[in-house]
Amino acid sequence: MSEPAYRRVVVKLSGEYLAGSQPFGIDQPTLDRVAGDIIAASELGVEIAVVVGGGNIFRGVDVSSRGVSRPTGDTMGMLATVMNCLALDSALGRKGKPSRILSALAMPQVCELFTRGAAMRYLAEGRIVLLAGGTGNPFFTTDTTAVLRAGEIGAQAVLKATNVDGVYSADPKIDKTAKRFDRLTHSQAVTGGYKVMDATAFALARETSLPIIVFSIAEPGSIGAILSGTGKGTIVAG
């Protein structure tokens, strides 16, 4: 097994993926498989923090288009990410891996408030750190959260786990002629308007010189494969 390319990473996992084949909610076999992949990747000697989206439960942007204010809708979406982290925390625990939820929203009866010091301490203890509640502010996506938290904790890369094996010039499910990129600069990702991650996240990664690796989570063991340099994905860096 190759030495991992990075020793501390933030994995950005879409909430929609946790629904599996269901239209919404959490598919238990999918959740358990993802938990196993995270554990296997950590056993390579990598410190892992995870940012989970909330789209399988609630999307603030969608409800805002129907009359709820955007700040309120986004806050509801942040609460959905807490629920997903609680589910992932439980799945990791069942497999014997200690984890800790740190939330940008204060809810002491449920989980601990995020601080950089707490995150660093739990990572050093070998725990998986689950980062919930987005940034704690409306108008920012969990993509941006992942890049922000990565910068705060000194992560060496953000691993963006999606349903496709990299960044394409168009949606490959719709446009069969879409070009797949092996590598892009942050600036190219921003100006190209590629929808795999929002422009704010790419711009922040550019400012902090943080690599983003976009890959498919659908293949079992894909997180470890990316860390070991054998996985297929698009590197956004430089």
C-alpha atoms as a PDB file:
ATOM      1  CA  MET A   1       0.000   0.000   0.000  1.00  0.00           C
ATOM      2  CA  SER A   2       1.340   3.416  -0.978  1.00  0.00           C
ATOM      3  CA  GLU A   3       1.951   6.070   1.628  1.00  0.00           C
ATOM      4  CA  PRO A   4      -1.013   8.453   1.771  1.00  0.00           C
ATOM      5  CA  ALA A   5      -0.578  11.676  -0.154  1.00  0.00           C
ATOM      6  CA  TYR A   6      -2.006  13.699   2.738  1.00  0.00           C
ATOM      7  CA  ARG A   7      -1.915  13.289   6.497  1.00  0.00           C
ATOM      8  CA  ARG A   8      -4.917  15.460   7.389  1.00  0.00           C
ATOM      9  CA  VAL A   9      -7.915  16.028   5.128  1.00  0.00           C
ATOM     10  CA  VAL A  10     -11.481  17.247   5.132  1.00  0.00           C
ATOM     11  CA  VAL A  11     -13.905  14.972   3.298  1.00  0.00           C
ATOM     12  CA  LYS A  12     -16.937  16.787   1.880  1.00  0.00           C
ATOM     13  CA  LEU A  13     -19.809  14.308   1.582  1.00  0.00           C
ATOM     14  CA  SER A  14     -23.086  15.239  -0.087  1.00  0.00           C
ATOM     15  CA  GLY A  15     -26.217  14.684   1.931  1.00  0.00           C
ATOM     16  CA  GLU A  16     -28.050  13.543  -1.196  1.00  0.00           C
ATOM     17  CA  TYR A  17     -25.705  10.569  -1.508  1.00  0.00           C
ATOM     18  CA  LEU A  18     -26.757   9.295   1.920  1.00  0.00           C
ATOM     19  CA  ALA A  19     -30.310   8.869   0.621  1.00  0.00           C
ATOM     20  CA  GLY A  20     -29.145   6.027  -1.615  1.00  0.00           C
ATOM     21  CA  SER A  21     -31.881   5.173  -4.109  1.00  0.00           C
ATOM     22  CA  GLN A  22     -34.519   6.874  -1.972  1.00  0.00           C
ATOM     23  CA  PRO A  23     -35.807  10.361  -2.883  1.00  0.00           C
ATOM     24  CA  PHE A  24     -34.900  11.644   0.585  1.00  0.00           C
ATOM     25  CA  GLY A  25     -33.829  10.525   4.048  1.00  0.00           C
ATOM     26  CA  ILE A  26     -30.989   8.197   5.013  1.00  0.00           C
ATOM     27  CA  ASP A  27     -30.389   4.805   3.440  1.00  0.00           C
ATOM     28  CA  GLN A  28     -28.816   2.678   6.173  1.00  0.00           C
ATOM     29  CA  PRO A  29     -26.706   0.389   3.946  1.00  0.00           C
ATOM     30  CA  THR A  30     -25.299   3.440   2.145  1.00  0.00           C
ATOM     31  CA  LEU A  31     -24.535   5.158   5.443  1.00  0.00           C
ATOM     32  CA  ASP A  32     -22.822   2.050   6.826  1.00  0.00           C
ATOM     33  CA  ARG A  33     -20.725   1.608   3.683  1.00  0.00           C
ATOM     34  CA  VAL A  34     -19.579   5.230   3.752  1.00  0.00           C
ATOM     35  CA  ALA A  35     -18.723   4.904   7.449  1.00  0.00           C
ATOM     36  CA  GLY A  36     -16.628   1.846   6.651  1.00  0.00           C
ATOM     37  CA  ASP A  37     -14.816   3.704   3.867  1.00  0.00           C
ATOM     38  CA  ILE A  38     -14.006   6.588   6.217  1.00  0.00           C
ATOM     39  CA  ILE A  39     -12.641   4.186   8.827  1.00  0.00           C
ATOM     40  CA  ALA A  40     -10.522   2.333   6.259  1.00  0.00           C
ATOM     41  CA  ALA A  41      -9.080   5.634   5.045  1.00  0.00           C
ATOM     42  CA  SER A  42      -8.238   6.701   8.596  1.00  0.00           C
ATOM     43  CA  GLU A  43      -6.386   3.426   9.114  1.00  0.00           C
ATOM     44  CA  LEU A  44      -3.880   4.604   6.504  1.00  0.00           C
ATOM     45  CA  GLY A  45      -2.654   7.000   9.174  1.00  0.00           C
ATOM     46  CA  VAL A  46      -4.710   9.977   7.988  1.00  0.00           C
ATOM     47  CA  GLU A  47      -6.540  12.410  10.273  1.00  0.00           C
ATOM     48  CA  ILE A  48     -10.028  12.902   8.838  1.00  0.00           C
ATOM     49  CA  ALA A  49     -12.684  15.544   9.372  1.00  0.00           C
ATOM     50  CA  VAL A  50     -15.988  15.220   7.538  1.00  0.00           C
ATOM     51  CA  VAL A  51     -18.419  17.902   6.384  1.00  0.00           C
ATOM     52  CA  VAL A  52     -21.810  16.452   5.439  1.00  0.00           C
ATOM     53  CA  GLY A  53     -24.433  18.325   3.441  1.00  0.00           C
ATOM     54  CA  GLY A  54     -28.114  18.249   4.330  1.00  0.00           C
ATOM     55  CA  GLY A  55     -29.780  17.971   0.931  1.00  0.00           C
ATOM     56  CA  ASN A  56     -31.213  14.517   1.638  1.00  0.00           C
ATOM     57  CA  ILE A  57     -33.309  16.046   4.424  1.00  0.00           C
ATOM     58  CA  PHE A  58     -33.756  19.714   3.597  1.00  0.00           C
ATOM     59  CA  ARG A  59     -32.534  22.269   1.078  1.00  0.00           C
ATOM     60  CA  GLY A  60     -32.767  25.869   2.215  1.00  0.00           C
ATOM     61  CA  VAL A  61     -32.468  27.259  -1.309  1.00  0.00           C
ATOM     62  CA  ASP A  62     -35.459  25.207  -2.470  1.00  0.00           C
ATOM     63  CA  VAL A  63     -37.760  26.245   0.361  1.00  0.00           C
ATOM     64  CA  SER A  64     -36.652  29.860   0.035  1.00  0.00           C
ATOM     65  CA  SER A  65     -37.916  29.866  -3.551  1.00  0.00           C
ATOM     66  CA  ARG A  66     -41.356  29.055  -2.152  1.00  0.00           C
ATOM     67  CA  GLY A  67     -41.579  31.998   0.227  1.00  0.00           C
ATOM     68  CA  VAL A  68     -39.482  31.255   3.323  1.00  0.00           C
ATOM     69  CA  SER A  69     -36.736  33.831   3.837  1.00  0.00           C
ATOM     70  CA  ARG A  70     -33.296  32.722   2.692  1.00  0.00           C
ATOM     71  CA  PRO A  71     -31.688  33.097   6.155  1.00  0.00           C
ATOM     72  CA  THR A  72     -34.442  30.971   7.695  1.00  0.00           C
ATOM     73  CA  GLY A  73     -34.242  28.363   4.960  1.00  0.00           C
ATOM     74  CA  ASP A  74     -30.467  28.157   5.242  1.00  0.00           C
ATOM     75  CA  THR A  75     -30.698  27.736   9.007  1.00  0.00           C
ATOM     76  CA  MET A  76     -33.109  24.838   8.514  1.00  0.00           C
ATOM     77  CA  GLY A  77     -30.589  23.326   6.112  1.00  0.00           C
ATOM     78  CA  MET A  78     -27.835  23.678   8.717  1.00  0.00           C
ATOM     79  CA  LEU A  79     -29.973  21.729  11.184  1.00  0.00           C
ATOM     80  CA  ALA A  80     -30.304  18.976   8.581  1.00  0.00           C
ATOM     81  CA  THR A  81     -26.516  18.648   8.486  1.00  0.00           C
ATOM     82  CA  VAL A  82     -26.541  18.084  12.256  1.00  0.00           C
ATOM     83  CA  MET A  83     -28.999  15.219  11.808  1.00  0.00           C
ATOM     84  CA  ASN A  84     -26.784  13.639   9.153  1.00  0.00           C
ATOM     85  CA  CYS A  85     -23.749  13.956  11.418  1.00  0.00           C
ATOM     86  CA  LEU A  86     -25.652  12.290  14.251  1.00  0.00           C
ATOM     87  CA  ALA A  87     -26.465   9.377  11.930  1.00  0.00           C
ATOM     88  CA  LEU A  88     -22.856   9.110  10.725  1.00  0.00           C
ATOM     89  CA  ASP A  89     -21.549   9.340  14.297  1.00  0.00           C
ATOM     90  CA  SER A  90     -23.791   6.421  15.219  1.00  0.00           C
ATOM     91  CA  ALA A  91     -22.662   4.376  12.195  1.00  0.00           C
ATOM     92  CA  LEU A  92     -18.990   4.973  13.007  1.00  0.00           C
ATOM     93  CA  GLY A  93     -19.582   4.023  16.643  1.00  0.00           C
ATOM     94  CA  ARG A  94     -21.234   0.741  15.687  1.00  0.00           C
ATOM     95  CA  LYS A  95     -18.078  -0.117  13.762  1.00  0.00           C
ATOM     96  CA  GLY A  96     -15.896   0.700  16.765  1.00  0.00           C
ATOM     97  CA  LYS A  97     -14.470   4.006  15.529  1.00  0.00           C
ATOM     98  CA  PRO A  98     -14.631   6.961  17.933  1.00  0.00           C
ATOM     99  CA  SER A  99     -15.871  10.223  16.459  1.00  0.00           C
ATOM    100  CA  ARG A 100     -16.944  13.620  17.674  1.00  0.00           C
ATOM    101  CA  ILE A 101     -19.523  16.064  16.310  1.00  0.00           C
ATOM    102  CA  LEU A 102     -18.565  19.737  16.372  1.00  0.00           C
ATOM    103  CA  SER A 103     -21.292  22.142  15.306  1.00  0.00           C
ATOM    104  CA  ALA A 104     -21.147  25.760  14.175  1.00  0.00           C
ATOM    105  CA  LEU A 105     -24.546  26.143  15.850  1.00  0.00           C
ATOM    106  CA  ALA A 106     -24.675  26.013  19.644  1.00  0.00           C
ATOM    107  CA  MET A 107     -26.791  23.065  20.798  1.00  0.00           C
ATOM    108  CA  PRO A 108     -25.054  21.724  23.928  1.00  0.00           C
ATOM    109  CA  GLN A 109     -27.648  19.011  24.575  1.00  0.00           C
ATOM    110  CA  VAL A 110     -26.841  17.482  21.176  1.00  0.00           C
ATOM    111  CA  CYS A 111     -23.208  18.139  20.304  1.00  0.00           C
ATOM    112  CA  GLU A 112     -20.203  20.304  21.072  1.00  0.00           C
ATOM    113  CA  LEU A 113     -19.679  23.775  19.632  1.00  0.00           C
ATOM    114  CA  PHE A 114     -16.960  23.930  16.974  1.00  0.00           C
ATOM    115  CA  THR A 115     -13.643  25.426  17.967  1.00  0.00           C
ATOM    116  CA  ARG A 116     -10.370  24.994  16.184  1.00  0.00           C
ATOM    117  CA  GLY A 117      -8.707  23.762  19.364  1.00  0.00           C
ATOM    118  CA  ALA A 118     -11.311  21.060  19.960  1.00  0.00           C
ATOM    119  CA  ALA A 119     -11.079  19.846  16.370  1.00  0.00           C
ATOM    120  CA  MET A 120      -7.289  19.636  16.534  1.00  0.00           C
ATOM    121  CA  ARG A 121      -7.415  17.804  19.851  1.00  0.00           C
ATOM    122  CA  TYR A 122      -9.896  15.168  18.678  1.00  0.00           C
ATOM    123  CA  LEU A 123      -7.993  14.588  15.445  1.00  0.00           C
ATOM    124  CA  ALA A 124      -4.801  14.052  17.447  1.00  0.00           C
ATOM    125  CA  GLU A 125      -6.675  11.489  19.553  1.00  0.00           C
ATOM    126  CA  GLY A 126      -7.491   9.519  16.407  1.00  0.00           C
ATOM    127  CA  ARG A 127     -11.169  10.417  16.278  1.00  0.00           C
ATOM    128  CA  ILE A 128     -13.116  11.186  13.136  1.00  0.00           C
ATOM    129  CA  VAL A 129     -14.300  14.781  13.499  1.00  0.00           C
ATOM    130  CA  LEU A 130     -17.773  15.451  12.078  1.00  0.00           C
ATOM    131  CA  LEU A 131     -18.312  19.108  11.264  1.00  0.00           C
ATOM    132  CA  ALA A 132     -21.998  20.059  11.444  1.00  0.00           C
ATOM    133  CA  GLY A 133     -24.040  23.214  11.087  1.00  0.00           C
ATOM    134  CA  GLY A 134     -22.299  24.641   8.041  1.00  0.00           C
ATOM    135  CA  THR A 135     -20.472  27.872   8.771  1.00  0.00           C
ATOM    136  CA  GLY A 136     -23.243  28.903  11.150  1.00  0.00           C
ATOM    137  CA  ASN A 137     -24.247  31.644   8.707  1.00  0.00           C
ATOM    138  CA  PRO A 138     -26.790  31.794   5.861  1.00  0.00           C
ATOM    139  CA  PHE A 139     -25.769  32.186   2.220  1.00  0.00           C
ATOM    140  CA  PHE A 140     -22.785  29.834   2.556  1.00  0.00           C
ATOM    141  CA  THR A 141     -22.837  26.252   1.294  1.00  0.00           C
ATOM    142  CA  THR A 142     -21.314  23.198   2.916  1.00  0.00           C
ATOM    143  CA  ASP A 143     -18.744  23.218   0.083  1.00  0.00           C
ATOM    144  CA  THR A 144     -17.516  26.544   1.416  1.00  0.00           C
ATOM    145  CA  THR A 145     -17.701  25.137   4.948  1.00  0.00           C
ATOM    146  CA  ALA A 146     -15.369  22.294   3.968  1.00  0.00           C
ATOM    147  CA  VAL A 147     -12.752  24.656   2.548  1.00  0.00           C
ATOM    148  CA  LEU A 148     -13.085  27.072   5.475  1.00  0.00           C
ATOM    149  CA  ARG A 149     -12.691  24.350   8.096  1.00  0.00           C
ATOM    150  CA  ALA A 150      -9.820  22.779   6.179  1.00  0.00           C
ATOM    151  CA  GLY A 151      -7.961  26.068   6.355  1.00  0.00           C
ATOM    152  CA  GLU A 152      -8.709  26.444  10.050  1.00  0.00           C
ATOM    153  CA  ILE A 153      -7.458  23.005  11.068  1.00  0.00           C
ATOM    154  CA  GLY A 154      -4.486  22.948   8.718  1.00  0.00           C
ATOM    155  CA  ALA A 155      -5.790  20.194   6.462  1.00  0.00           C
ATOM    156  CA  GLN A 156      -3.682  19.491   3.399  1.00  0.00           C
ATOM    157  CA  ALA A 157      -6.589  18.894   1.027  1.00  0.00           C
ATOM    158  CA  VAL A 158     -10.356  18.784   0.655  1.00  0.00           C
ATOM    159  CA  LEU A 159     -11.729  15.542  -0.784  1.00  0.00           C
ATOM    160  CA  LYS A 160     -15.022  16.341  -2.503  1.00  0.00           C
ATOM    161  CA  ALA A 161     -17.014  13.105  -2.695  1.00  0.00           C
ATOM    162  CA  THR A 162     -19.636  13.244  -5.451  1.00  0.00           C
ATOM    163  CA  ASN A 163     -21.617  11.019  -7.793  1.00  0.00           C
ATOM    164  CA  VAL A 164     -19.157  11.571 -10.668  1.00  0.00           C
ATOM    165  CA  ASP A 165     -15.482  10.704 -11.006  1.00  0.00           C
ATOM    166  CA  GLY A 166     -14.195  14.240 -11.400  1.00  0.00           C
ATOM    167  CA  VAL A 167     -14.918  17.630 -12.898  1.00  0.00           C
ATOM    168  CA  TYR A 168     -16.521  17.691 -16.357  1.00  0.00           C
ATOM    169  CA  SER A 169     -17.128  20.519 -18.804  1.00  0.00           C
ATOM    170  CA  ALA A 170     -20.864  19.712 -18.604  1.00  0.00           C
ATOM    171  CA  ASP A 171     -23.098  17.226 -16.813  1.00  0.00           C
ATOM    172  CA  PRO A 172     -21.860  13.864 -18.181  1.00  0.00           C
ATOM    173  CA  LYS A 173     -25.248  12.279 -17.475  1.00  0.00           C
ATOM    174  CA  ILE A 174     -26.849  14.717 -19.892  1.00  0.00           C
ATOM    175  CA  ASP A 175     -24.056  15.578 -22.327  1.00  0.00           C
ATOM    176  CA  LYS A 176     -22.198  12.464 -23.474  1.00  0.00           C
ATOM    177  CA  THR A 177     -19.566  14.648 -25.148  1.00  0.00           C
ATOM    178  CA  ALA A 178     -18.647  16.369 -21.864  1.00  0.00           C
ATOM    179  CA  LYS A 179     -14.890  16.555 -21.306  1.00  0.00           C
ATOM    180  CA  ARG A 180     -13.444  15.212 -18.076  1.00  0.00           C
ATOM    181  CA  PHE A 181     -10.505  17.103 -16.581  1.00  0.00           C
ATOM    182  CA  ASP A 182      -7.652  15.369 -14.776  1.00  0.00           C
ATOM    183  CA  ARG A 183      -6.397  18.667 -13.385  1.00  0.00           C
ATOM    184  CA  LEU A 184      -7.571  22.273 -13.185  1.00  0.00           C
ATOM    185  CA  THR A 185      -6.346  25.404 -11.465  1.00  0.00           C
ATOM    186  CA  HIS A 186      -8.605  27.106  -8.953  1.00  0.00           C
ATOM    187  CA  SER A 187      -8.989  30.024 -11.367  1.00  0.00           C
ATOM    188  CA  GLN A 188     -10.025  27.710 -14.203  1.00  0.00           C
ATOM    189  CA  ALA A 189     -12.607  26.087 -11.942  1.00  0.00           C
ATOM    190  CA  VAL A 190     -14.045  29.487 -11.012  1.00  0.00           C
ATOM    191  CA  THR A 191     -14.112  30.973 -14.508  1.00  0.00           C
ATOM    192  CA  GLY A 192     -15.367  27.733 -16.039  1.00  0.00           C
ATOM    193  CA  GLY A 193     -18.444  27.791 -13.837  1.00  0.00           C
ATOM    194  CA  TYR A 194     -18.283  24.050 -13.211  1.00  0.00           C
ATOM    195  CA  LYS A 195     -21.157  23.064 -10.951  1.00  0.00           C
ATOM    196  CA  VAL A 196     -19.418  20.326  -8.966  1.00  0.00           C
ATOM    197  CA  MET A 197     -18.538  22.884  -6.274  1.00  0.00           C
ATOM    198  CA  ASP A 198     -19.641  26.460  -5.745  1.00  0.00           C
ATOM    199  CA  ALA A 199     -17.487  29.376  -6.852  1.00  0.00           C
ATOM    200  CA  THR A 200     -17.021  30.713  -3.315  1.00  0.00           C
ATOM    201  CA  ALA A 201     -15.455  27.436  -2.223  1.00  0.00           C
ATOM    202  CA  PHE A 202     -13.096  27.377  -5.205  1.00  0.00           C
ATOM    203  CA  ALA A 203     -12.153  31.035  -4.645  1.00  0.00           C
ATOM    204  CA  LEU A 204     -11.405  30.452  -0.965  1.00  0.00           C
ATOM    205  CA  ALA A 205      -9.321  27.382  -1.831  1.00  0.00           C
ATOM    206  CA  ARG A 206      -7.376  29.488  -4.324  1.00  0.00           C
ATOM    207  CA  GLU A 207      -6.727  32.149  -1.678  1.00  0.00           C
ATOM    208  CA  THR A 208      -5.470  29.561   0.812  1.00  0.00           C
ATOM    209  CA  SER A 209      -3.610  27.405  -1.782  1.00  0.00           C
ATOM    210  CA  LEU A 210      -5.683  24.381  -0.772  1.00  0.00           C
ATOM    211  CA  PRO A 211      -5.998  21.457  -3.211  1.00  0.00           C
ATOM    212  CA  ILE A 212      -9.460  20.041  -3.869  1.00  0.00           C
ATOM    213  CA  ILE A 213      -9.792  16.495  -5.204  1.00  0.00           C
ATOM    214  CA  VAL A 214     -13.157  15.719  -6.796  1.00  0.00           C
ATOM    215  CA  PHE A 215     -13.977  12.006  -7.021  1.00  0.00           C
ATOM    216  CA  SER A 216     -16.839   9.515  -6.973  1.00  0.00           C
ATOM    217  CA  ILE A 217     -17.857   8.085  -3.606  1.00  0.00           C
ATOM    218  CA  ALA A 218     -19.906   5.390  -5.365  1.00  0.00           C
ATOM    219  CA  GLU A 219     -16.955   2.991  -5.551  1.00  0.00           C
ATOM    220  CA  PRO A 220     -16.246   1.225  -2.244  1.00  0.00           C
ATOM    221  CA  GLY A 221     -12.847   2.198  -0.865  1.00  0.00           C
ATOM    222  CA  SER A 222     -12.668   5.337  -3.008  1.00  0.00           C
ATOM    223  CA  ILE A 223     -11.554   7.642  -0.176  1.00  0.00           C
ATOM    224  CA  GLY A 224      -8.586   5.439   0.627  1.00  0.00           C
ATOM    225  CA  ALA A 225      -7.786   5.055  -3.065  1.00  0.00           C
ATOM    226  CA  ILE A 226      -7.630   8.834  -3.521  1.00  0.00           C
ATOM    227  CA  LEU A 227      -5.390   9.167  -0.471  1.00  0.00           C
ATOM    228  CA  SER A 228      -3.111   6.412  -1.762  1.00  0.00           C
ATOM    229  CA  GLY A 229      -2.873   7.953  -5.222  1.00  0.00           C
ATOM    230  CA  THR A 230      -4.606   5.076  -6.998  1.00  0.00           C
ATOM    231  CA  GLY A 231      -8.086   6.571  -7.260  1.00  0.00           C
ATOM    232  CA  LYS A 232      -9.623   8.429 -10.184  1.00  0.00           C
ATOM    233  CA  GLY A 233     -10.483  12.066  -9.695  1.00  0.00           C
ATOM    234  CA  THR A 234      -9.846  15.653 -10.714  1.00  0.00           C
ATOM    235  CA  ILE A 235      -7.252  17.673  -8.815  1.00  0.00           C
ATOM    236  CA  VAL A 236      -8.039  21.371  -8.522  1.00  0.00           C
ATOM    237  CA  ALA A 237      -4.894  23.148  -7.365  1.00  0.00           C
ATOM    238  CA  GLY A 238      -2.499  25.950  -8.185  1.00  0.00           C
END
